[in-house]
Amino acid sequence: MSRLPFELFLALRYLRPKRTFVSIITLISILGVALGVAVLIIVISVMSGFDHDLREKILGFNAHLTVSQAGSTMKNYSAVAAAVARNPKVKGVSPFVFGPVLVETAGDTNRPALQDAPMLRGIDPATEGRVSNLPNEIIAGKFDLSGRGLIVGVDFANNLRLQVGDRLSIYSARQIKKMRAAHDKKQDEAILPDEYEVRGIFDAGYYEYNARVVMTSLDNAQDLYDLNDAVHGLFVVLNDPYQAGVAKKELLVKFGDNYSVTTWMEQSSGILNALIVEKNVMFYLLFFIVLVAALCILSAQITFVIQKTREIGMLKALGASKLQISGIFLGQSAIIGVIGVASGYGLGMLAVTYRNEFLHFMRAATGWELFPASVYGFGELPALITPGDVAIICVSSFVICILGGLLPAIRAGGLKPVEALRYE
């Protein structure tokens, strides 16, 4: 005798593979549920990984708060930095100069000169380590900004074919103003750029930073922008980056309307909000795969109830209740859901674990760059498996499978023995 409940025993027996149309629909239903769960786990994990890694890169390269003087440069930045540092939420403060420049490599007969227009960031080498991970992200050369030293991103170096020790000519706002003044006066005056030496190459892990930002010392940047002893602002790092909004309010109360404070969330709100919206939209769109599988379950169960009408009538005549008959067909839906969800979970976790190996294989086999860093900003496909998201996907998929078989189960339970056996 089987120890299984009566309803579950019959549900398993009826689901034994047979070469019938219903068995094919059942198999398709299981595959549909598995595919839907797997795709949902993969997509949601990748989107969560994008969001997590992007925040890490932003917080590792940029400050949590940026303090600047409204409408002008900051001349008394040392006093302002000391006042900011006294806030208990502040971990580190460092001055900066930030703006666009034109650069040109030193060409020769074998290699033509190349040009680009990156953003130049003037930093204080003594305090930069308090507000970013830059000193620890040097992959070639060293963190040396003495004299006319320059540090560039790895993608910027690749685009301009630069190596440590190469020299770059930088045209700053000062040179451009002089060129324009000479042109207006119709004077033939040669405006020479400043020459810098590449001392180090950094890898921030994010293409936008690696390809668009170059670093020099604060003194050099002040000279390039004719700031004398002023700076553009202060980078501030907090003990808890998610307290940036609270710290901003406290600093604004302290300094008044003459100063402007922006948080890292405000500076990156566009891309972060876009990721959140895209994650939610993808979840709802891909969930229709599971709904299609549920419709397959509904179709299979309706056909199955019609085929088993005689057996249902006999079970009713032998004393089976409506609830027991409905339980048989709900049990079938539950078994399909369990097998489909478990298979989808395993497939999804496997795909997430070996996602980058698959991308490398496809690139080697076909030559296609499925995940170009220049578009997505990351060298590897990020992923973050969140147990809460996985639980929601699996549980909701299982519930939808149960609901897919609910209507046929109620119909089967409502059959009367006389009507079921009338034509038998």
Protein backbone atom coordinates (compact mmCIF):
# COMPACT_ATOMS: atom_id res chain seq x y z
CA MET A 1 0.00 0.00 0.00
CA SER A 2 1.23 3.48 -0.82
CA ARG A 3 1.69 5.87 2.08
CA LEU A 4 0.98 8.85 -0.17
CA PRO A 5 -2.32 10.67 0.22
CA PHE A 6 -5.07 9.44 -2.09
CA GLU A 7 -5.14 12.63 -4.17
CA LEU A 8 -1.35 12.84 -4.61
CA PHE A 9 -1.07 9.16 -5.50
CA LEU A 10 -3.58 9.50 -8.33
CA ALA A 11 -2.05 12.81 -9.47
CA LEU A 12 1.38 11.16 -9.82
CA ARG A 13 -0.11 8.13 -11.56
CA TYR A 14 -1.98 10.26 -14.07
CA LEU A 15 1.19 12.25 -14.83
CA ARG A 16 3.22 9.18 -15.84
CA PRO A 17 4.68 9.82 -19.31
CA LYS A 18 2.49 8.46 -22.08
CA ARG A 19 2.54 9.08 -25.78
CA THR A 20 -0.51 11.28 -25.74
CA PHE A 21 -1.24 14.87 -26.62
CA VAL A 22 -1.82 15.69 -22.95
CA SER A 23 1.64 14.40 -22.01
CA ILE A 24 3.22 16.62 -24.65
CA ILE A 25 1.32 19.66 -23.33
CA THR A 26 2.41 18.75 -19.78
CA LEU A 27 6.04 18.56 -20.89
CA ILE A 28 5.73 21.90 -22.64
CA SER A 29 4.22 23.38 -19.47
CA ILE A 30 7.15 22.17 -17.36
CA LEU A 31 9.64 23.52 -19.89
CA GLY A 32 7.77 26.85 -20.02
CA VAL A 33 7.82 27.25 -16.24
CA ALA A 34 11.50 26.26 -16.09
CA LEU A 35 12.44 28.68 -18.86
CA GLY A 36 10.45 31.53 -17.31
CA VAL A 37 11.98 31.04 -13.85
CA ALA A 38 15.51 30.68 -15.27
CA VAL A 39 15.26 33.78 -17.46
CA LEU A 40 13.79 35.81 -14.60
CA ILE A 41 16.57 34.77 -12.22
CA ILE A 42 19.26 35.54 -14.81
CA VAL A 43 17.88 38.94 -15.82
CA ILE A 44 17.04 40.14 -12.30
CA SER A 45 20.43 38.97 -10.97
CA VAL A 46 22.28 40.76 -13.78
CA MET A 47 20.27 43.95 -13.28
CA SER A 48 20.90 43.80 -9.52
CA GLY A 49 24.59 43.26 -10.25
CA PHE A 50 24.64 46.29 -12.55
CA ASP A 51 23.06 48.43 -9.85
CA HIS A 52 25.36 47.15 -7.10
CA ASP A 53 28.61 47.36 -9.09
CA LEU A 54 27.75 50.77 -10.52
CA ARG A 55 27.17 52.14 -7.02
CA GLU A 56 30.47 50.60 -5.89
CA LYS A 57 32.36 52.17 -8.81
CA ILE A 58 30.72 55.55 -8.27
CA LEU A 59 31.47 55.50 -4.54
CA GLY A 60 35.01 54.23 -5.13
CA PHE A 61 35.92 56.96 -7.63
CA ASN A 62 33.65 59.88 -6.68
CA ALA A 63 32.96 61.49 -3.34
CA HIS A 64 29.72 61.17 -1.41
CA LEU A 65 29.28 64.95 -1.26
CA THR A 66 30.59 67.79 -3.40
CA VAL A 67 30.84 71.19 -1.72
CA SER A 68 31.30 74.26 -3.93
CA GLN A 69 30.84 78.00 -3.64
CA ALA A 70 27.79 79.22 -5.47
CA GLY A 71 28.67 81.19 -8.59
CA SER A 72 32.45 81.31 -8.08
CA THR A 73 35.54 79.37 -7.19
CA MET A 74 36.42 78.58 -3.57
CA LYS A 75 39.32 80.75 -2.35
CA ASN A 76 39.28 79.91 1.36
CA TYR A 77 39.01 76.16 0.79
CA SER A 78 41.32 75.21 3.67
CA ALA A 79 39.05 76.85 6.24
CA VAL A 80 35.92 75.39 4.61
CA ALA A 81 37.52 71.92 4.52
CA ALA A 82 38.36 72.15 8.23
CA ALA A 83 34.78 73.17 9.04
CA VAL A 84 33.36 70.31 6.95
CA ALA A 85 35.71 67.80 8.59
CA ARG A 86 34.30 68.67 12.02
CA ASN A 87 30.94 67.14 11.07
CA PRO A 88 30.75 63.72 12.81
CA LYS A 89 29.38 62.05 9.66
CA VAL A 90 32.41 63.12 7.58
CA LYS A 91 35.26 60.66 7.06
CA GLY A 92 37.51 62.64 4.70
CA VAL A 93 37.75 65.91 2.74
CA SER A 94 39.92 66.80 -0.25
CA PRO A 95 39.98 69.83 -2.64
CA PHE A 96 39.62 69.43 -6.38
CA VAL A 97 39.73 71.22 -9.72
CA PHE A 98 37.65 69.69 -12.51
CA GLY A 99 37.14 70.74 -16.11
CA PRO A 100 37.63 69.85 -19.79
CA VAL A 101 40.97 70.04 -21.60
CA LEU A 102 42.37 69.22 -25.04
CA VAL A 103 45.27 66.77 -25.19
CA GLU A 104 47.61 65.66 -27.95
CA THR A 105 50.19 62.90 -27.98
CA ALA A 106 53.74 63.40 -29.18
CA GLY A 107 53.73 62.04 -32.72
CA ASP A 108 56.69 60.98 -34.84
CA THR A 109 57.34 59.60 -38.31
CA ASN A 110 56.12 56.13 -37.30
CA ARG A 111 53.18 57.18 -35.13
CA PRO A 112 50.90 60.14 -35.87
CA ALA A 113 49.81 62.45 -33.07
CA LEU A 114 46.42 61.62 -31.55
CA GLN A 115 43.99 64.03 -29.90
CA ASP A 116 41.23 63.74 -27.32
CA ALA A 117 39.15 65.98 -25.04
CA PRO A 118 38.97 64.36 -21.58
CA MET A 119 37.98 65.82 -18.24
CA LEU A 120 40.97 66.85 -16.14
CA ARG A 121 40.76 66.37 -12.39
CA GLY A 122 43.22 68.23 -10.22
CA ILE A 123 43.70 66.48 -6.87
CA ASP A 124 45.76 66.84 -3.73
CA PRO A 125 47.95 63.67 -3.60
CA ALA A 126 48.22 63.95 0.18
CA THR A 127 44.45 63.81 0.80
CA GLU A 128 43.08 61.99 -2.28
CA GLY A 129 43.28 58.63 -0.53
CA ARG A 130 40.69 59.87 1.99
CA VAL A 131 37.99 60.39 -0.65
CA SER A 132 38.65 57.76 -3.37
CA ASN A 133 40.38 54.46 -4.11
CA LEU A 134 42.51 55.99 -6.86
CA PRO A 135 45.93 55.45 -5.17
CA ASN A 136 45.14 51.71 -4.99
CA GLU A 137 43.89 51.40 -8.58
CA ILE A 138 47.19 52.04 -10.37
CA ILE A 139 47.92 49.09 -12.68
CA ALA A 140 51.01 50.51 -14.41
CA GLY A 141 53.57 53.03 -13.19
CA LYS A 142 52.92 54.68 -9.85
CA PHE A 143 50.77 57.26 -8.13
CA ASP A 144 53.17 60.16 -8.75
CA LEU A 145 51.87 63.65 -9.57
CA SER A 146 55.00 65.59 -8.71
CA GLY A 147 56.16 68.17 -11.23
CA ARG A 148 54.24 67.78 -14.48
CA GLY A 149 53.03 64.31 -13.62
CA LEU A 150 49.83 62.86 -15.07
CA ILE A 151 47.74 59.74 -14.34
CA VAL A 152 45.37 58.44 -17.03
CA GLY A 153 42.73 55.71 -17.27
CA VAL A 154 43.52 52.39 -18.92
CA ASP A 155 41.02 52.88 -21.78
CA PHE A 156 42.20 56.44 -22.37
CA ALA A 157 45.75 55.10 -22.58
CA ASN A 158 44.69 52.38 -25.02
CA ASN A 159 42.77 54.82 -27.22
CA LEU A 160 45.75 57.17 -27.49
CA ARG A 161 48.37 54.36 -27.44
CA LEU A 162 50.01 55.72 -24.32
CA GLN A 163 52.49 54.06 -22.01
CA VAL A 164 54.09 55.12 -18.76
CA GLY A 165 56.76 57.71 -19.58
CA ASP A 166 55.02 59.10 -22.67
CA ARG A 167 54.39 62.83 -22.89
CA LEU A 168 51.11 64.63 -23.49
CA SER A 169 50.50 68.21 -24.56
CA ILE A 170 47.56 69.78 -22.73
CA TYR A 171 45.66 72.79 -24.02
CA SER A 172 43.80 74.29 -21.12
CA ALA A 173 41.20 77.03 -20.88
CA ARG A 174 44.06 79.50 -20.37
CA GLN A 175 45.69 78.65 -23.72
CA ILE A 176 42.35 78.68 -25.52
CA LYS A 177 41.59 82.17 -24.15
CA LYS A 178 45.01 83.38 -25.30
CA MET A 179 44.44 81.91 -28.77
CA ARG A 180 41.09 83.64 -29.04
CA ALA A 181 42.51 86.96 -27.82
CA ALA A 182 45.35 86.75 -30.34
CA HIS A 183 42.90 85.93 -33.11
CA ASP A 184 40.66 88.86 -32.20
CA LYS A 185 43.67 91.19 -32.23
CA LYS A 186 44.86 89.60 -35.48
CA GLN A 187 48.24 88.86 -33.96
CA ASP A 188 50.47 86.01 -35.06
CA GLU A 189 51.32 84.60 -31.66
CA ALA A 190 52.23 80.97 -31.06
CA ILE A 191 50.44 79.65 -27.97
CA LEU A 192 52.33 76.60 -26.75
CA PRO A 193 50.59 73.92 -24.66
CA ASP A 194 51.87 72.59 -21.36
CA GLU A 195 53.68 69.25 -21.56
CA TYR A 196 52.98 66.50 -19.04
CA GLU A 197 54.46 63.07 -18.45
CA VAL A 198 52.30 59.97 -17.96
CA ARG A 199 53.43 58.58 -14.60
CA GLY A 200 50.70 56.03 -14.01
CA ILE A 201 47.68 54.25 -15.50
CA PHE A 202 44.65 53.47 -13.35
CA ASP A 203 41.74 51.08 -13.74
CA ALA A 204 38.61 52.24 -11.89
CA GLY A 205 36.62 49.29 -13.25
CA TYR A 206 34.19 51.57 -15.09
CA TYR A 207 34.70 52.53 -18.72
CA GLU A 208 33.40 56.10 -18.36
CA TYR A 209 36.09 56.89 -15.79
CA ASN A 210 38.83 54.90 -17.49
CA ALA A 211 38.26 56.57 -20.87
CA ARG A 212 37.25 60.12 -19.99
CA VAL A 213 39.22 61.28 -16.92
CA VAL A 214 42.89 62.22 -16.46
CA MET A 215 44.51 63.30 -13.18
CA THR A 216 47.15 65.81 -12.25
CA SER A 217 48.18 67.63 -9.09
CA LEU A 218 46.07 70.40 -7.62
CA ASP A 219 48.83 72.97 -8.29
CA ASN A 220 49.03 72.03 -11.97
CA ALA A 221 45.27 72.19 -12.40
CA GLN A 222 45.13 75.59 -10.70
CA ASP A 223 47.73 76.86 -13.18
CA LEU A 224 45.84 75.38 -16.14
CA TYR A 225 42.66 77.18 -15.12
CA ASP A 226 44.25 80.38 -13.78
CA LEU A 227 42.74 79.81 -10.34
CA ASN A 228 45.76 81.04 -8.34
CA ASP A 229 45.12 79.51 -4.88
CA ALA A 230 41.40 78.78 -5.43
CA VAL A 231 39.72 75.47 -6.24
CA HIS A 232 36.44 74.42 -7.78
CA GLY A 233 35.24 72.68 -4.64
CA LEU A 234 35.70 69.97 -2.04
CA PHE A 235 35.13 66.24 -2.27
CA VAL A 236 33.66 64.84 0.95
CA VAL A 237 33.44 61.18 1.97
CA LEU A 238 31.07 60.06 4.73
CA ASN A 239 31.18 57.14 7.12
CA ASP A 240 27.86 56.01 5.64
CA PRO A 241 27.24 57.06 1.99
CA TYR A 242 23.49 56.60 2.42
CA GLN A 243 23.51 59.39 5.02
CA ALA A 244 24.47 61.84 2.27
CA GLY A 245 21.06 63.56 2.30
CA VAL A 246 21.18 64.16 6.04
CA ALA A 247 24.78 65.40 5.93
CA LYS A 248 23.89 67.73 3.05
CA LYS A 249 21.16 69.40 5.11
CA GLU A 250 23.51 69.84 8.08
CA LEU A 251 26.23 71.44 5.92
CA LEU A 252 23.77 73.76 4.19
CA VAL A 253 22.50 74.94 7.58
CA LYS A 254 26.10 75.57 8.64
CA PHE A 255 27.34 77.38 5.52
CA GLY A 256 24.17 79.04 4.25
CA ASP A 257 23.12 79.88 0.70
CA ASN A 258 26.61 80.98 -0.39
CA TYR A 259 27.60 77.31 -0.80
CA SER A 260 26.19 74.46 -2.84
CA VAL A 261 26.22 70.82 -1.70
CA THR A 262 25.33 67.93 -4.03
CA THR A 263 25.17 64.24 -3.13
CA TRP A 264 26.46 61.30 -5.14
CA MET A 265 22.86 60.14 -5.60
CA GLU A 266 21.90 63.45 -7.20
CA GLN A 267 24.92 63.41 -9.50
CA SER A 268 24.21 59.85 -10.66
CA SER A 269 20.42 59.86 -10.30
CA GLY A 270 19.78 59.49 -14.03
CA ILE A 271 21.56 56.19 -14.60
CA LEU A 272 20.69 54.73 -11.17
CA ASN A 273 16.98 55.48 -11.60
CA ALA A 274 17.10 54.13 -15.15
CA LEU A 275 18.53 50.84 -13.86
CA ILE A 276 15.79 50.51 -11.24
CA VAL A 277 13.04 51.24 -13.77
CA GLU A 278 14.55 48.85 -16.30
CA LYS A 279 14.82 46.11 -13.68
CA ASN A 280 11.15 46.46 -12.76
CA VAL A 281 10.02 46.60 -16.39
CA MET A 282 12.06 43.52 -17.29
CA PHE A 283 10.58 41.64 -14.34
CA TYR A 284 7.01 42.32 -15.44
CA LEU A 285 7.68 41.64 -19.11
CA LEU A 286 9.52 38.37 -18.55
CA PHE A 287 6.90 37.20 -16.07
CA PHE A 288 4.59 36.72 -19.07
CA ILE A 289 6.69 33.64 -19.92
CA VAL A 290 5.44 32.05 -16.70
CA LEU A 291 1.90 33.17 -17.50
CA VAL A 292 2.11 31.45 -20.90
CA ALA A 293 3.26 28.27 -19.13
CA ALA A 294 0.28 28.60 -16.77
CA LEU A 295 -2.04 28.78 -19.79
CA CYS A 296 -0.44 25.58 -21.06
CA ILE A 297 -1.20 23.98 -17.69
CA LEU A 298 -4.78 25.22 -17.94
CA SER A 299 -5.13 23.74 -21.43
CA ALA A 300 -3.62 20.40 -20.38
CA GLN A 301 -5.81 20.13 -17.30
CA ILE A 302 -9.02 20.93 -19.21
CA THR A 303 -8.17 18.22 -21.75
CA PHE A 304 -7.24 15.85 -18.97
CA VAL A 305 -10.50 16.40 -17.08
CA ILE A 306 -12.45 15.62 -20.26
CA GLN A 307 -10.44 12.44 -20.84
CA LYS A 308 -10.86 11.28 -17.25
CA THR A 309 -14.60 12.01 -16.99
CA ARG A 310 -15.43 8.30 -16.61
CA GLU A 311 -12.82 7.80 -13.86
CA ILE A 312 -14.09 10.90 -12.07
CA GLY A 313 -17.63 9.50 -12.14
CA MET A 314 -16.47 6.15 -10.75
CA LEU A 315 -14.51 7.84 -7.95
CA LYS A 316 -17.56 9.93 -7.09
CA ALA A 317 -19.74 6.82 -7.08
CA LEU A 318 -17.29 5.13 -4.71
CA GLY A 319 -17.59 8.03 -2.26
CA ALA A 320 -14.85 10.51 -3.26
CA SER A 321 -15.69 14.05 -2.24
CA LYS A 322 -15.56 17.18 -4.40
CA LEU A 323 -12.51 18.34 -2.50
CA GLN A 324 -10.66 15.06 -3.10
CA ILE A 325 -11.40 15.11 -6.83
CA SER A 326 -10.32 18.75 -7.10
CA GLY A 327 -7.21 17.88 -5.07
CA ILE A 328 -6.14 15.34 -7.68
CA PHE A 329 -5.97 17.93 -10.44
CA LEU A 330 -4.57 20.66 -8.20
CA GLY A 331 -1.92 18.13 -7.19
CA GLN A 332 -1.01 17.67 -10.84
CA SER A 333 -0.60 21.44 -11.25
CA ALA A 334 1.49 21.56 -8.07
CA ILE A 335 3.76 18.75 -9.28
CA ILE A 336 4.25 20.51 -12.64
CA GLY A 337 4.98 23.74 -10.77
CA VAL A 338 7.50 22.12 -8.41
CA ILE A 339 9.38 20.37 -11.23
CA GLY A 340 9.33 23.48 -13.43
CA VAL A 341 10.39 25.90 -10.68
CA ALA A 342 13.13 23.57 -9.39
CA SER A 343 14.49 23.03 -12.92
CA GLY A 344 14.33 26.76 -13.66
CA TYR A 345 16.07 27.60 -10.40
CA GLY A 346 18.92 25.19 -11.13
CA LEU A 347 19.27 26.36 -14.73
CA GLY A 348 19.17 30.04 -13.73
CA MET A 349 21.77 29.66 -10.97
CA LEU A 350 24.04 27.69 -13.30
CA ALA A 351 23.78 30.35 -16.00
CA VAL A 352 24.47 33.19 -13.54
CA THR A 353 27.49 31.37 -12.09
CA TYR A 354 29.10 30.75 -15.50
CA ARG A 355 27.83 33.86 -17.30
CA ASN A 356 31.27 35.33 -18.06
CA GLU A 357 32.70 31.98 -19.17
CA PHE A 358 29.82 31.76 -21.66
CA LEU A 359 30.52 35.29 -22.92
CA HIS A 360 34.23 34.50 -23.34
CA PHE A 361 33.39 31.29 -25.21
CA MET A 362 30.99 33.10 -27.56
CA ARG A 363 33.56 35.81 -28.20
CA ALA A 364 36.26 33.23 -28.98
CA ALA A 365 33.93 31.09 -31.14
CA THR A 366 32.15 33.81 -33.09
CA GLY A 367 34.22 36.96 -32.62
CA TRP A 368 31.13 38.84 -31.40
CA GLU A 369 31.49 41.19 -28.46
CA LEU A 370 28.20 40.43 -26.68
CA PHE A 371 29.00 42.72 -23.76
CA PRO A 372 31.21 45.60 -24.99
CA ALA A 373 32.73 47.66 -22.18
CA SER A 374 32.42 50.86 -24.25
CA VAL A 375 28.62 50.49 -24.18
CA TYR A 376 27.92 49.03 -20.76
CA GLY A 377 30.88 50.40 -18.82
CA PHE A 378 32.02 47.07 -17.30
CA GLY A 379 34.67 44.65 -18.46
CA GLU A 380 32.79 41.65 -17.04
CA LEU A 381 29.05 40.96 -16.85
CA PRO A 382 28.06 41.75 -13.24
CA ALA A 383 25.48 39.77 -11.30
CA LEU A 384 24.14 39.79 -7.76
CA ILE A 385 21.92 36.95 -6.57
CA THR A 386 19.49 38.41 -4.05
CA PRO A 387 17.70 35.69 -2.04
CA GLY A 388 14.59 37.87 -1.70
CA ASP A 389 14.27 38.34 -5.48
CA VAL A 390 14.83 34.62 -6.13
CA ALA A 391 12.22 33.71 -3.50
CA ILE A 392 9.65 36.07 -5.03
CA ILE A 393 10.27 34.61 -8.51
CA CYS A 394 10.01 30.98 -7.39
CA VAL A 395 7.04 31.38 -5.04
CA SER A 396 5.01 33.55 -7.42
CA SER A 397 5.73 31.17 -10.34
CA PHE A 398 4.54 28.22 -8.25
CA VAL A 399 1.37 30.08 -7.22
CA ILE A 400 0.62 30.91 -10.88
CA CYS A 401 1.01 27.22 -11.76
CA ILE A 402 -1.52 26.32 -9.06
CA LEU A 403 -3.91 29.00 -10.30
CA GLY A 404 -3.53 27.66 -13.84
CA GLY A 405 -5.04 24.34 -12.76
CA LEU A 406 -7.63 25.78 -10.39
CA LEU A 407 -10.52 26.17 -12.87
CA PRO A 408 -10.31 22.61 -14.30
CA ALA A 409 -9.97 21.23 -10.75
CA ILE A 410 -13.15 23.00 -9.65
CA ARG A 411 -14.90 21.76 -12.79
CA ALA A 412 -13.80 18.18 -12.10
CA GLY A 413 -14.89 18.36 -8.47
CA GLY A 414 -18.32 19.60 -9.49
CA LEU A 415 -19.08 16.69 -11.84
CA LYS A 416 -21.99 14.49 -10.74
CA PRO A 417 -21.57 10.68 -10.93
CA VAL A 418 -24.73 10.18 -13.01
CA GLU A 419 -23.68 12.77 -15.62
CA ALA A 420 -20.11 11.47 -15.72
CA LEU A 421 -21.22 7.85 -16.31
CA ARG A 422 -24.26 8.55 -18.47
CA TYR A 423 -22.60 7.73 -21.79
CA GLU A 424 -20.24 5.02 -20.48
